[in-house]
Amino acid sequence: HDEFLDAKWSVPKSKHLSPNLNVFAERFNHVSFWVKSIILSAPMDNRPKILTVLLKAEEVLRSLNNFNTLMGFVSALGSSSILRLHRSWAQVAEPLKEVLSQYNGLIDRLTRVSLL
């Protein structure tokens, strides 16, 4: 916890000072890239199904309190490369799209708090 409280992660070239937080960030980036890759590499007709499964997985991650992976999913699904898939999103059920919207709102609120 000293890595976090002492803000060692904010010092340039600090990988050796905060190895645990670096692993945490690398895992987040890996999950986010993986989610985007799954969607974008799939045939267009499979994308709505994949989006649906990933949105349902977000609910499971939330129920397990797996927030790091959940935020990786939310980040990926909210990225411009995924949001521009209008035809695919049009085939996803509205309640599932609302779940994503709620998580995006949560990220927005957390971002605003962290800027204070």
PDB file of N, CA and C in Angstrom:
ATOM      1  N   HIS A   1       0.810  -1.190   0.000  1.00  0.00           N
ATOM      2  CA  HIS A   1       0.000   0.000   0.000  1.00  0.00           C
ATOM      3  C   HIS A   1       0.852   1.253   0.000  1.00  0.00           C
ATOM      4  N   ASP A   2       2.125   1.139   0.359  1.00  0.00           N
ATOM      5  CA  ASP A   2       3.017   2.303   0.329  1.00  0.00           C
ATOM      6  C   ASP A   2       3.192   2.828  -1.091  1.00  0.00           C
ATOM      7  N   GLU A   3       3.142   1.931  -2.074  1.00  0.00           N
ATOM      8  CA  GLU A   3       3.278   2.352  -3.467  1.00  0.00           C
ATOM      9  C   GLU A   3       2.204   3.368  -3.819  1.00  0.00           C
ATOM     10  N   PHE A   4       0.994   3.077  -3.379  1.00  0.00           N
ATOM     11  CA  PHE A   4      -0.140   3.936  -3.707  1.00  0.00           C
ATOM     12  C   PHE A   4      -0.144   5.201  -2.861  1.00  0.00           C
ATOM     13  N   LEU A   5      -0.059   5.045  -1.562  1.00  0.00           N
ATOM     14  CA  LEU A   5      -0.163   6.188  -0.654  1.00  0.00           C
ATOM     15  C   LEU A   5       0.974   7.181  -0.825  1.00  0.00           C
ATOM     16  N   ASP A   6       2.146   6.688  -1.140  1.00  0.00           N
ATOM     17  CA  ASP A   6       3.293   7.572  -1.333  1.00  0.00           C
ATOM     18  C   ASP A   6       3.377   8.110  -2.763  1.00  0.00           C
ATOM     19  N   ALA A   7       2.399   7.734  -3.597  1.00  0.00           N
ATOM     20  CA  ALA A   7       2.323   8.189  -4.999  1.00  0.00           C
ATOM     21  C   ALA A   7       3.611   7.893  -5.765  1.00  0.00           C
ATOM     22  N   LYS A   8       4.224   6.765  -5.459  1.00  0.00           N
ATOM     23  CA  LYS A   8       5.449   6.395  -6.150  1.00  0.00           C
ATOM     24  C   LYS A   8       5.201   6.120  -7.637  1.00  0.00           C
ATOM     25  N   TRP A   9       3.982   5.758  -7.977  1.00  0.00           N
ATOM     26  CA  TRP A   9       3.617   5.460  -9.353  1.00  0.00           C
ATOM     27  C   TRP A   9       3.602   6.711 -10.217  1.00  0.00           C
ATOM     28  N   SER A  10       3.527   7.892  -9.612  1.00  0.00           N
ATOM     29  CA  SER A  10       3.432   9.129 -10.384  1.00  0.00           C
ATOM     30  C   SER A  10       4.796   9.703 -10.758  1.00  0.00           C
ATOM     31  N   VAL A  11       5.850   9.118 -10.256  1.00  0.00           N
ATOM     32  CA  VAL A  11       7.203   9.587 -10.547  1.00  0.00           C
ATOM     33  C   VAL A  11       7.632   9.004 -11.899  1.00  0.00           C
ATOM     34  N   PRO A  12       8.167   9.853 -12.790  1.00  0.00           N
ATOM     35  CA  PRO A  12       8.623   9.328 -14.085  1.00  0.00           C
ATOM     36  C   PRO A  12       9.638   8.192 -13.903  1.00  0.00           C
ATOM     37  N   LYS A  13       9.545   7.212 -14.781  1.00  0.00           N
ATOM     38  CA  LYS A  13      10.457   6.059 -14.766  1.00  0.00           C
ATOM     39  C   LYS A  13      10.430   5.354 -13.412  1.00  0.00           C
ATOM     40  N   SER A  14       9.217   5.082 -12.929  1.00  0.00           N
ATOM     41  CA  SER A  14       9.065   4.548 -11.565  1.00  0.00           C
ATOM     42  C   SER A  14       8.641   3.086 -11.519  1.00  0.00           C
ATOM     43  N   LYS A  15       8.843   2.347 -12.582  1.00  0.00           N
ATOM     44  CA  LYS A  15       8.388   0.954 -12.584  1.00  0.00           C
ATOM     45  C   LYS A  15       8.935   0.168 -11.408  1.00  0.00           C
ATOM     46  N   HIS A  16      10.144   0.418 -11.042  1.00  0.00           N
ATOM     47  CA  HIS A  16      10.757  -0.320  -9.921  1.00  0.00           C
ATOM     48  C   HIS A  16      10.207   0.141  -8.574  1.00  0.00           C
ATOM     49  N   LEU A  17       9.631   1.347  -8.505  1.00  0.00           N
ATOM     50  CA  LEU A  17       9.106   1.866  -7.239  1.00  0.00           C
ATOM     51  C   LEU A  17       7.683   1.382  -6.947  1.00  0.00           C
ATOM     52  N   SER A  18       6.964   1.016  -7.990  1.00  0.00           N
ATOM     53  CA  SER A  18       5.564   0.612  -7.795  1.00  0.00           C
ATOM     54  C   SER A  18       5.211  -0.582  -8.677  1.00  0.00           C
ATOM     55  N   PRO A  19       5.852  -1.714  -8.447  1.00  0.00           N
ATOM     56  CA  PRO A  19       5.627  -2.878  -9.314  1.00  0.00           C
ATOM     57  C   PRO A  19       4.193  -3.396  -9.273  1.00  0.00           C
ATOM     58  N   ASN A  20       3.546  -3.358  -8.131  1.00  0.00           N
ATOM     59  CA  ASN A  20       2.185  -3.880  -8.034  1.00  0.00           C
ATOM     60  C   ASN A  20       1.192  -3.021  -8.800  1.00  0.00           C
ATOM     61  N   LEU A  21       1.324  -1.714  -8.692  1.00  0.00           N
ATOM     62  CA  LEU A  21       0.422  -0.829  -9.428  1.00  0.00           C
ATOM     63  C   LEU A  21       0.675  -0.909 -10.929  1.00  0.00           C
ATOM     64  N   ASN A  22       1.907  -1.132 -11.318  1.00  0.00           N
ATOM     65  CA  ASN A  22       2.215  -1.295 -12.737  1.00  0.00           C
ATOM     66  C   ASN A  22       1.581  -2.567 -13.292  1.00  0.00           C
ATOM     67  N   VAL A  23       1.608  -3.634 -12.520  1.00  0.00           N
ATOM     68  CA  VAL A  23       0.956  -4.880 -12.939  1.00  0.00           C
ATOM     69  C   VAL A  23      -0.547  -4.664 -13.062  1.00  0.00           C
ATOM     70  N   PHE A  24      -1.099  -3.939 -12.117  1.00  0.00           N
ATOM     71  CA  PHE A  24      -2.529  -3.607 -12.123  1.00  0.00           C
ATOM     72  C   PHE A  24      -2.895  -2.857 -13.407  1.00  0.00           C
ATOM     73  N   ALA A  25      -2.115  -1.845 -13.770  1.00  0.00           N
ATOM     74  CA  ALA A  25      -2.367  -1.056 -14.978  1.00  0.00           C
ATOM     75  C   ALA A  25      -2.163  -1.889 -16.243  1.00  0.00           C
ATOM     76  N   GLU A  26      -1.129  -2.716 -16.251  1.00  0.00           N
ATOM     77  CA  GLU A  26      -0.875  -3.567 -17.411  1.00  0.00           C
ATOM     78  C   GLU A  26      -2.010  -4.558 -17.628  1.00  0.00           C
ATOM     79  N   ARG A  27      -2.553  -5.089 -16.551  1.00  0.00           N
ATOM     80  CA  ARG A  27      -3.676  -6.025 -16.655  1.00  0.00           C
ATOM     81  C   ARG A  27      -4.907  -5.321 -17.223  1.00  0.00           C
ATOM     82  N   PHE A  28      -5.176  -4.120 -16.731  1.00  0.00           N
ATOM     83  CA  PHE A  28      -6.286  -3.326 -17.253  1.00  0.00           C
ATOM     84  C   PHE A  28      -6.132  -3.121 -18.763  1.00  0.00           C
ATOM     85  N   ASN A  29      -4.948  -2.702 -19.191  1.00  0.00           N
ATOM     86  CA  ASN A  29      -4.697  -2.455 -20.616  1.00  0.00           C
ATOM     87  C   ASN A  29      -4.832  -3.733 -21.436  1.00  0.00           C
ATOM     88  N   HIS A  30      -4.353  -4.835 -20.888  1.00  0.00           N
ATOM     89  CA  HIS A  30      -4.443  -6.120 -21.594  1.00  0.00           C
ATOM     90  C   HIS A  30      -5.910  -6.527 -21.786  1.00  0.00           C
ATOM     91  N   VAL A  31      -6.714  -6.411 -20.735  1.00  0.00           N
ATOM     92  CA  VAL A  31      -8.131  -6.775 -20.813  1.00  0.00           C
ATOM     93  C   VAL A  31      -8.842  -5.884 -21.822  1.00  0.00           C
ATOM     94  N   SER A  32      -8.588  -4.594 -21.762  1.00  0.00           N
ATOM     95  CA  SER A  32      -9.235  -3.664 -22.676  1.00  0.00           C
ATOM     96  C   SER A  32      -8.879  -3.980 -24.133  1.00  0.00           C
ATOM     97  N   PHE A  33      -7.613  -4.225 -24.392  1.00  0.00           N
ATOM     98  CA  PHE A  33      -7.179  -4.581 -25.747  1.00  0.00           C
ATOM     99  C   PHE A  33      -7.809  -5.890 -26.191  1.00  0.00           C
ATOM    100  N   TRP A  34      -7.873  -6.862 -25.300  1.00  0.00           N
ATOM    101  CA  TRP A  34      -8.453  -8.172 -25.608  1.00  0.00           C
ATOM    102  C   TRP A  34      -9.921  -8.037 -26.000  1.00  0.00           C
ATOM    103  N   VAL A  35     -10.677  -7.265 -25.243  1.00  0.00           N
ATOM    104  CA  VAL A  35     -12.107  -7.081 -25.534  1.00  0.00           C
ATOM    105  C   VAL A  35     -12.276  -6.434 -26.906  1.00  0.00           C
ATOM    106  N   LYS A  36     -11.520  -5.384 -27.177  1.00  0.00           N
ATOM    107  CA  LYS A  36     -11.621  -4.722 -28.487  1.00  0.00           C
ATOM    108  C   LYS A  36     -11.226  -5.674 -29.612  1.00  0.00           C
ATOM    109  N   SER A  37     -10.191  -6.452 -29.382  1.00  0.00           N
ATOM    110  CA  SER A  37      -9.725  -7.391 -30.414  1.00  0.00           C
ATOM    111  C   SER A  37     -10.771  -8.448 -30.734  1.00  0.00           C
ATOM    112  N   ILE A  38     -11.431  -8.970 -29.706  1.00  0.00           N
ATOM    113  CA  ILE A  38     -12.466  -9.977 -29.924  1.00  0.00           C
ATOM    114  C   ILE A  38     -13.563  -9.429 -30.818  1.00  0.00           C
ATOM    115  N   ILE A  39     -13.997  -8.226 -30.538  1.00  0.00           N
ATOM    116  CA  ILE A  39     -15.096  -7.624 -31.290  1.00  0.00           C
ATOM    117  C   ILE A  39     -14.669  -7.304 -32.718  1.00  0.00           C
ATOM    118  N   LEU A  40     -13.561  -6.617 -32.856  1.00  0.00           N
ATOM    119  CA  LEU A  40     -13.151  -6.132 -34.173  1.00  0.00           C
ATOM    120  C   LEU A  40     -12.661  -7.233 -35.097  1.00  0.00           C
ATOM    121  N   SER A  41     -12.191  -8.339 -34.545  1.00  0.00           N
ATOM    122  CA  SER A  41     -11.719  -9.430 -35.401  1.00  0.00           C
ATOM    123  C   SER A  41     -12.845 -10.386 -35.799  1.00  0.00           C
ATOM    124  N   ALA A  42     -14.016 -10.220 -35.204  1.00  0.00           N
ATOM    125  CA  ALA A  42     -15.151 -11.098 -35.505  1.00  0.00           C
ATOM    126  C   ALA A  42     -15.840 -10.663 -36.801  1.00  0.00           C
ATOM    127  N   PRO A  43     -16.447 -11.620 -37.496  1.00  0.00           N
ATOM    128  CA  PRO A  43     -17.253 -11.247 -38.660  1.00  0.00           C
ATOM    129  C   PRO A  43     -18.388 -10.306 -38.234  1.00  0.00           C
ATOM    130  N   MET A  44     -18.776  -9.424 -39.114  1.00  0.00           N
ATOM    131  CA  MET A  44     -19.772  -8.404 -38.779  1.00  0.00           C
ATOM    132  C   MET A  44     -21.076  -8.984 -38.245  1.00  0.00           C
ATOM    133  N   ASP A  45     -21.500 -10.126 -38.781  1.00  0.00           N
ATOM    134  CA  ASP A  45     -22.774 -10.700 -38.333  1.00  0.00           C
ATOM    135  C   ASP A  45     -22.694 -11.307 -36.932  1.00  0.00           C
ATOM    136  N   ASN A  46     -21.481 -11.551 -36.419  1.00  0.00           N
ATOM    137  CA  ASN A  46     -21.313 -12.082 -35.062  1.00  0.00           C
ATOM    138  C   ASN A  46     -21.128 -10.991 -34.012  1.00  0.00           C
ATOM    139  N   ARG A  47     -20.842  -9.791 -34.434  1.00  0.00           N
ATOM    140  CA  ARG A  47     -20.527  -8.726 -33.486  1.00  0.00           C
ATOM    141  C   ARG A  47     -21.658  -8.417 -32.498  1.00  0.00           C
ATOM    142  N   PRO A  48     -22.906  -8.360 -32.928  1.00  0.00           N
ATOM    143  CA  PRO A  48     -23.970  -8.103 -31.934  1.00  0.00           C
ATOM    144  C   PRO A  48     -24.031  -9.175 -30.843  1.00  0.00           C
ATOM    145  N   LYS A  49     -23.827 -10.419 -31.222  1.00  0.00           N
ATOM    146  CA  LYS A  49     -23.831 -11.504 -30.232  1.00  0.00           C
ATOM    147  C   LYS A  49     -22.659 -11.345 -29.264  1.00  0.00           C
ATOM    148  N   ILE A  50     -21.515 -10.992 -29.791  1.00  0.00           N
ATOM    149  CA  ILE A  50     -20.327 -10.817 -28.949  1.00  0.00           C
ATOM    150  C   ILE A  50     -20.532  -9.639 -28.006  1.00  0.00           C
ATOM    151  N   LEU A  51     -21.069  -8.538 -28.513  1.00  0.00           N
ATOM    152  CA  LEU A  51     -21.352  -7.385 -27.653  1.00  0.00           C
ATOM    153  C   LEU A  51     -22.309  -7.773 -26.536  1.00  0.00           C
ATOM    154  N   THR A  52     -23.323  -8.555 -26.872  1.00  0.00           N
ATOM    155  CA  THR A  52     -24.306  -8.991 -25.876  1.00  0.00           C
ATOM    156  C   THR A  52     -23.637  -9.832 -24.779  1.00  0.00           C
ATOM    157  N   VAL A  53     -22.810 -10.762 -25.176  1.00  0.00           N
ATOM    158  CA  VAL A  53     -22.123 -11.617 -24.199  1.00  0.00           C
ATOM    159  C   VAL A  53     -21.198 -10.780 -23.315  1.00  0.00           C
ATOM    160  N   LEU A  54     -20.478  -9.844 -23.913  1.00  0.00           N
ATOM    161  CA  LEU A  54     -19.559  -9.016 -23.135  1.00  0.00           C
ATOM    162  C   LEU A  54     -20.310  -8.110 -22.161  1.00  0.00           C
ATOM    163  N   LEU A  55     -21.459  -7.596 -22.583  1.00  0.00           N
ATOM    164  CA  LEU A  55     -22.261  -6.762 -21.677  1.00  0.00           C
ATOM    165  C   LEU A  55     -22.813  -7.590 -20.515  1.00  0.00           C
ATOM    166  N   LYS A  56     -23.203  -8.818 -20.790  1.00  0.00           N
ATOM    167  CA  LYS A  56     -23.650  -9.700 -19.711  1.00  0.00           C
ATOM    168  C   LYS A  56     -22.490 -10.051 -18.783  1.00  0.00           C
ATOM    169  N   ALA A  57     -21.312 -10.207 -19.362  1.00  0.00           N
ATOM    170  CA  ALA A  57     -20.122 -10.500 -18.556  1.00  0.00           C
ATOM    171  C   ALA A  57     -19.809  -9.343 -17.610  1.00  0.00           C
ATOM    172  N   GLU A  58     -20.095  -8.122 -18.048  1.00  0.00           N
ATOM    173  CA  GLU A  58     -19.885  -6.973 -17.161  1.00  0.00           C
ATOM    174  C   GLU A  58     -20.720  -7.103 -15.888  1.00  0.00           C
ATOM    175  N   GLU A  59     -21.934  -7.568 -16.035  1.00  0.00           N
ATOM    176  CA  GLU A  59     -22.795  -7.748 -14.870  1.00  0.00           C
ATOM    177  C   GLU A  59     -22.224  -8.799 -13.918  1.00  0.00           C
ATOM    178  N   VAL A  60     -21.675  -9.857 -14.484  1.00  0.00           N
ATOM    179  CA  VAL A  60     -21.061 -10.903 -13.661  1.00  0.00           C
ATOM    180  C   VAL A  60     -19.825 -10.347 -12.947  1.00  0.00           C
ATOM    181  N   LEU A  61     -19.010  -9.616 -13.683  1.00  0.00           N
ATOM    182  CA  LEU A  61     -17.817  -9.018 -13.074  1.00  0.00           C
ATOM    183  C   LEU A  61     -18.206  -8.085 -11.933  1.00  0.00           C
ATOM    184  N   ARG A  62     -19.265  -7.318 -12.119  1.00  0.00           N
ATOM    185  CA  ARG A  62     -19.735  -6.414 -11.065  1.00  0.00           C
ATOM    186  C   ARG A  62     -20.202  -7.209  -9.851  1.00  0.00           C
ATOM    187  N   SER A  63     -20.929  -8.298 -10.088  1.00  0.00           N
ATOM    188  CA  SER A  63     -21.425  -9.100  -8.968  1.00  0.00           C
ATOM    189  C   SER A  63     -20.285  -9.758  -8.197  1.00  0.00           C
ATOM    190  N   LEU A  64     -19.174  -9.986  -8.872  1.00  0.00           N
ATOM    191  CA  LEU A  64     -17.994 -10.579  -8.227  1.00  0.00           C
ATOM    192  C   LEU A  64     -17.070  -9.516  -7.625  1.00  0.00           C
ATOM    193  N   ASN A  65     -17.456  -8.256  -7.766  1.00  0.00           N
ATOM    194  CA  ASN A  65     -16.618  -7.125  -7.322  1.00  0.00           C
ATOM    195  C   ASN A  65     -15.247  -7.127  -7.987  1.00  0.00           C
ATOM    196  N   ASN A  66     -15.203  -7.586  -9.221  1.00  0.00           N
ATOM    197  CA  ASN A  66     -13.960  -7.599  -9.999  1.00  0.00           C
ATOM    198  C   ASN A  66     -13.902  -6.290 -10.791  1.00  0.00           C
ATOM    199  N   PHE A  67     -13.601  -5.212 -10.087  1.00  0.00           N
ATOM    200  CA  PHE A  67     -13.702  -3.880 -10.662  1.00  0.00           C
ATOM    201  C   PHE A  67     -12.619  -3.574 -11.685  1.00  0.00           C
ATOM    202  N   ASN A  68     -11.428  -4.099 -11.518  1.00  0.00           N
ATOM    203  CA  ASN A  68     -10.368  -3.825 -12.477  1.00  0.00           C
ATOM    204  C   ASN A  68     -10.722  -4.400 -13.848  1.00  0.00           C
ATOM    205  N   THR A  69     -11.156  -5.646 -13.880  1.00  0.00           N
ATOM    206  CA  THR A  69     -11.537  -6.258 -15.149  1.00  0.00           C
ATOM    207  C   THR A  69     -12.793  -5.595 -15.696  1.00  0.00           C
ATOM    208  N   LEU A  70     -13.740  -5.293 -14.823  1.00  0.00           N
ATOM    209  CA  LEU A  70     -14.958  -4.599 -15.251  1.00  0.00           C
ATOM    210  C   LEU A  70     -14.623  -3.282 -15.933  1.00  0.00           C
ATOM    211  N   MET A  71     -13.748  -2.501 -15.353  1.00  0.00           N
ATOM    212  CA  MET A  71     -13.389  -1.217 -15.949  1.00  0.00           C
ATOM    213  C   MET A  71     -12.622  -1.405 -17.259  1.00  0.00           C
ATOM    214  N   GLY A  72     -11.884  -2.502 -17.384  1.00  0.00           N
ATOM    215  CA  GLY A  72     -11.244  -2.821 -18.665  1.00  0.00           C
ATOM    216  C   GLY A  72     -12.279  -3.079 -19.746  1.00  0.00           C
ATOM    217  N   PHE A  73     -13.344  -3.802 -19.383  1.00  0.00           N
ATOM    218  CA  PHE A  73     -14.436  -4.058 -20.323  1.00  0.00           C
ATOM    219  C   PHE A  73     -15.134  -2.757 -20.690  1.00  0.00           C
ATOM    220  N   VAL A  74     -15.462  -1.952 -19.682  1.00  0.00           N
ATOM    221  CA  VAL A  74     -16.177  -0.697 -19.915  1.00  0.00           C
ATOM    222  C   VAL A  74     -15.343   0.231 -20.790  1.00  0.00           C
ATOM    223  N   SER A  75     -14.066   0.304 -20.509  1.00  0.00           N
ATOM    224  CA  SER A  75     -13.171   1.139 -21.307  1.00  0.00           C
ATOM    225  C   SER A  75     -13.161   0.687 -22.763  1.00  0.00           C
ATOM    226  N   ALA A  76     -13.053  -0.603 -22.973  1.00  0.00           N
ATOM    227  CA  ALA A  76     -13.024  -1.133 -24.340  1.00  0.00           C
ATOM    228  C   ALA A  76     -14.338  -0.872 -25.069  1.00  0.00           C
ATOM    229  N   LEU A  77     -15.452  -1.169 -24.404  1.00  0.00           N
ATOM    230  CA  LEU A  77     -16.752  -0.998 -25.051  1.00  0.00           C
ATOM    231  C   LEU A  77     -17.100   0.469 -25.263  1.00  0.00           C
ATOM    232  N   GLY A  78     -16.457   1.347 -24.529  1.00  0.00           N
ATOM    233  CA  GLY A  78     -16.684   2.773 -24.699  1.00  0.00           C
ATOM    234  C   GLY A  78     -15.674   3.442 -25.615  1.00  0.00           C
ATOM    235  N   SER A  79     -14.781   2.670 -26.183  1.00  0.00           N
ATOM    236  CA  SER A  79     -13.762   3.245 -27.067  1.00  0.00           C
ATOM    237  C   SER A  79     -14.374   3.609 -28.419  1.00  0.00           C
ATOM    238  N   SER A  80     -13.774   4.546 -29.088  1.00  0.00           N
ATOM    239  CA  SER A  80     -14.321   5.023 -30.366  1.00  0.00           C
ATOM    240  C   SER A  80     -14.381   3.913 -31.409  1.00  0.00           C
ATOM    241  N   SER A  81     -13.399   3.021 -31.402  1.00  0.00           N
ATOM    242  CA  SER A  81     -13.395   1.950 -32.403  1.00  0.00           C
ATOM    243  C   SER A  81     -14.561   0.983 -32.227  1.00  0.00           C
ATOM    244  N   ILE A  82     -15.105   0.884 -31.025  1.00  0.00           N
ATOM    245  CA  ILE A  82     -16.239   0.001 -30.766  1.00  0.00           C
ATOM    246  C   ILE A  82     -17.552   0.773 -30.869  1.00  0.00           C
ATOM    247  N   LEU A  83     -17.585   1.973 -30.364  1.00  0.00           N
ATOM    248  CA  LEU A  83     -18.816   2.761 -30.406  1.00  0.00           C
ATOM    249  C   LEU A  83     -19.269   3.080 -31.824  1.00  0.00           C
ATOM    250  N   ARG A  84     -18.345   3.136 -32.762  1.00  0.00           N
ATOM    251  CA  ARG A  84     -18.723   3.471 -34.141  1.00  0.00           C
ATOM    252  C   ARG A  84     -19.377   2.305 -34.890  1.00  0.00           C
ATOM    253  N   LEU A  85     -19.491   1.147 -34.256  1.00  0.00           N
ATOM    254  CA  LEU A  85     -20.112  -0.028 -34.888  1.00  0.00           C
ATOM    255  C   LEU A  85     -21.637   0.075 -34.764  1.00  0.00           C
ATOM    256  N   HIS A  86     -22.206   1.082 -35.385  1.00  0.00           N
ATOM    257  CA  HIS A  86     -23.623   1.413 -35.214  1.00  0.00           C
ATOM    258  C   HIS A  86     -24.563   0.269 -35.584  1.00  0.00           C
ATOM    259  N   ARG A  87     -24.276  -0.434 -36.666  1.00  0.00           N
ATOM    260  CA  ARG A  87     -25.159  -1.548 -37.076  1.00  0.00           C
ATOM    261  C   ARG A  87     -25.156  -2.669 -36.045  1.00  0.00           C
ATOM    262  N   SER A  88     -24.007  -2.912 -35.458  1.00  0.00           N
ATOM    263  CA  SER A  88     -23.920  -3.964 -34.436  1.00  0.00           C
ATOM    264  C   SER A  88     -24.640  -3.537 -33.168  1.00  0.00           C
ATOM    265  N   TRP A  89     -24.416  -2.306 -32.733  1.00  0.00           N
ATOM    266  CA  TRP A  89     -25.063  -1.815 -31.519  1.00  0.00           C
ATOM    267  C   TRP A  89     -26.578  -1.764 -31.684  1.00  0.00           C
ATOM    268  N   ALA A  90     -27.049  -1.522 -32.900  1.00  0.00           N
ATOM    269  CA  ALA A  90     -28.499  -1.453 -33.145  1.00  0.00           C
ATOM    270  C   ALA A  90     -29.182  -2.786 -32.875  1.00  0.00           C
ATOM    271  N   GLN A  91     -28.423  -3.875 -32.906  1.00  0.00           N
ATOM    272  CA  GLN A  91     -28.991  -5.206 -32.687  1.00  0.00           C
ATOM    273  C   GLN A  91     -28.850  -5.695 -31.243  1.00  0.00           C
ATOM    274  N   VAL A  92     -28.279  -4.861 -30.379  1.00  0.00           N
ATOM    275  CA  VAL A  92     -28.116  -5.216 -28.964  1.00  0.00           C
ATOM    276  C   VAL A  92     -29.336  -4.708 -28.201  1.00  0.00           C
ATOM    277  N   ALA A  93     -29.840  -5.518 -27.288  1.00  0.00           N
ATOM    278  CA  ALA A  93     -31.025  -5.154 -26.514  1.00  0.00           C
ATOM    279  C   ALA A  93     -30.784  -3.868 -25.719  1.00  0.00           C
ATOM    280  N   GLU A  94     -31.814  -3.036 -25.683  1.00  0.00           N
ATOM    281  CA  GLU A  94     -31.719  -1.748 -24.983  1.00  0.00           C
ATOM    282  C   GLU A  94     -31.324  -1.874 -23.506  1.00  0.00           C
ATOM    283  N   PRO A  95     -31.878  -2.843 -22.758  1.00  0.00           N
ATOM    284  CA  PRO A  95     -31.464  -2.944 -21.347  1.00  0.00           C
ATOM    285  C   PRO A  95     -29.959  -3.181 -21.171  1.00  0.00           C
ATOM    286  N   LEU A  96     -29.358  -3.919 -22.084  1.00  0.00           N
ATOM    287  CA  LEU A  96     -27.915  -4.158 -21.997  1.00  0.00           C
ATOM    288  C   LEU A  96     -27.137  -2.891 -22.338  1.00  0.00           C
ATOM    289  N   LYS A  97     -27.625  -2.136 -23.308  1.00  0.00           N
ATOM    290  CA  LYS A  97     -26.961  -0.870 -23.631  1.00  0.00           C
ATOM    291  C   LYS A  97     -27.070   0.107 -22.459  1.00  0.00           C
ATOM    292  N   GLU A  98     -28.167   0.007 -21.721  1.00  0.00           N
ATOM    293  CA  GLU A  98     -28.348   0.855 -20.546  1.00  0.00           C
ATOM    294  C   GLU A  98     -27.334   0.509 -19.457  1.00  0.00           C
ATOM    295  N   VAL A  99     -27.014  -0.768 -19.326  1.00  0.00           N
ATOM    296  CA  VAL A  99     -25.988  -1.199 -18.357  1.00  0.00           C
ATOM    297  C   VAL A  99     -24.658  -0.528 -18.687  1.00  0.00           C
ATOM    298  N   LEU A 100     -24.288  -0.552 -19.958  1.00  0.00           N
ATOM    299  CA  LEU A 100     -23.037   0.089 -20.368  1.00  0.00           C
ATOM    300  C   LEU A 100     -23.088   1.583 -20.079  1.00  0.00           C
ATOM    301  N   SER A 101     -24.207   2.194 -20.351  1.00  0.00           N
ATOM    302  CA  SER A 101     -24.369   3.621 -20.096  1.00  0.00           C
ATOM    303  C   SER A 101     -24.195   3.936 -18.602  1.00  0.00           C
ATOM    304  N   GLN A 102     -24.729   3.088 -17.755  1.00  0.00           N
ATOM    305  CA  GLN A 102     -24.582   3.287 -16.305  1.00  0.00           C
ATOM    306  C   GLN A 102     -23.119   3.190 -15.882  1.00  0.00           C
ATOM    307  N   TYR A 103     -22.406   2.210 -16.415  1.00  0.00           N
ATOM    308  CA  TYR A 103     -20.992   2.062 -16.062  1.00  0.00           C
ATOM    309  C   TYR A 103     -20.165   3.226 -16.610  1.00  0.00           C
ATOM    310  N   ASN A 104     -20.506   3.704 -17.802  1.00  0.00           N
ATOM    311  CA  ASN A 104     -19.810   4.864 -18.345  1.00  0.00           C
ATOM    312  C   ASN A 104     -20.055   6.085 -17.470  1.00  0.00           C
ATOM    313  N   GLY A 105     -21.278   6.223 -16.960  1.00  0.00           N
ATOM    314  CA  GLY A 105     -21.581   7.313 -16.040  1.00  0.00           C
ATOM    315  C   GLY A 105     -20.777   7.209 -14.765  1.00  0.00           C
ATOM    316  N   LEU A 106     -20.594   6.000 -14.282  1.00  0.00           N
ATOM    317  CA  LEU A 106     -19.791   5.775 -13.085  1.00  0.00           C
ATOM    318  C   LEU A 106     -18.347   6.201 -13.325  1.00  0.00           C
ATOM    319  N   ILE A 107     -17.801   5.827 -14.456  1.00  0.00           N
ATOM    320  CA  ILE A 107     -16.429   6.214 -14.790  1.00  0.00           C
ATOM    321  C   ILE A 107     -16.322   7.731 -14.874  1.00  0.00           C
ATOM    322  N   ASP A 108     -17.305   8.372 -15.498  1.00  0.00           N
ATOM    323  CA  ASP A 108     -17.292   9.835 -15.590  1.00  0.00           C
ATOM    324  C   ASP A 108     -17.283  10.469 -14.210  1.00  0.00           C
ATOM    325  N   ARG A 109     -18.120   9.959 -13.302  1.00  0.00           N
ATOM    326  CA  ARG A 109     -18.155  10.509 -11.949  1.00  0.00           C
ATOM    327  C   ARG A 109     -16.835  10.276 -11.215  1.00  0.00           C
ATOM    328  N   LEU A 110     -16.276   9.084 -11.362  1.00  0.00           N
ATOM    329  CA  LEU A 110     -14.990   8.805 -10.708  1.00  0.00           C
ATOM    330  C   LEU A 110     -13.891   9.680 -11.258  1.00  0.00           C
ATOM    331  N   THR A 111     -13.913   9.926 -12.550  1.00  0.00           N
ATOM    332  CA  THR A 111     -12.906  10.789 -13.175  1.00  0.00           C
ATOM    333  C   THR A 111     -13.011  12.210 -12.638  1.00  0.00           C
ATOM    334  N   ARG A 112     -14.244  12.699 -12.522  1.00  0.00           N
ATOM    335  CA  ARG A 112     -14.426  14.057 -11.993  1.00  0.00           C
ATOM    336  C   ARG A 112     -13.924  14.143 -10.547  1.00  0.00           C
ATOM    337  N   VAL A 113     -14.202  13.140  -9.747  1.00  0.00           N
ATOM    338  CA  VAL A 113     -13.748  13.144  -8.351  1.00  0.00           C
ATOM    339  C   VAL A 113     -12.225  13.117  -8.297  1.00  0.00           C
ATOM    340  N   SER A 114     -11.605  12.324  -9.154  1.00  0.00           N
ATOM    341  CA  SER A 114     -10.141  12.199  -9.111  1.00  0.00           C
ATOM    342  C   SER A 114      -9.461  13.486  -9.550  1.00  0.00           C
ATOM    343  N   LEU A 115     -10.163  14.329 -10.309  1.00  0.00           N
ATOM    344  CA  LEU A 115      -9.576  15.594 -10.744  1.00  0.00           C
ATOM    345  C   LEU A 115      -9.646  16.670  -9.677  1.00  0.00           C
ATOM    346  N   LEU A 116     -10.438  16.444  -8.633  1.00  0.00           N
ATOM    347  CA  LEU A 116     -10.569  17.452  -7.576  1.00  0.00           C
ATOM    348  C   LEU A 116      -9.336  17.572  -6.735  1.00  0.00           C
TER     349      LEU A 116
END
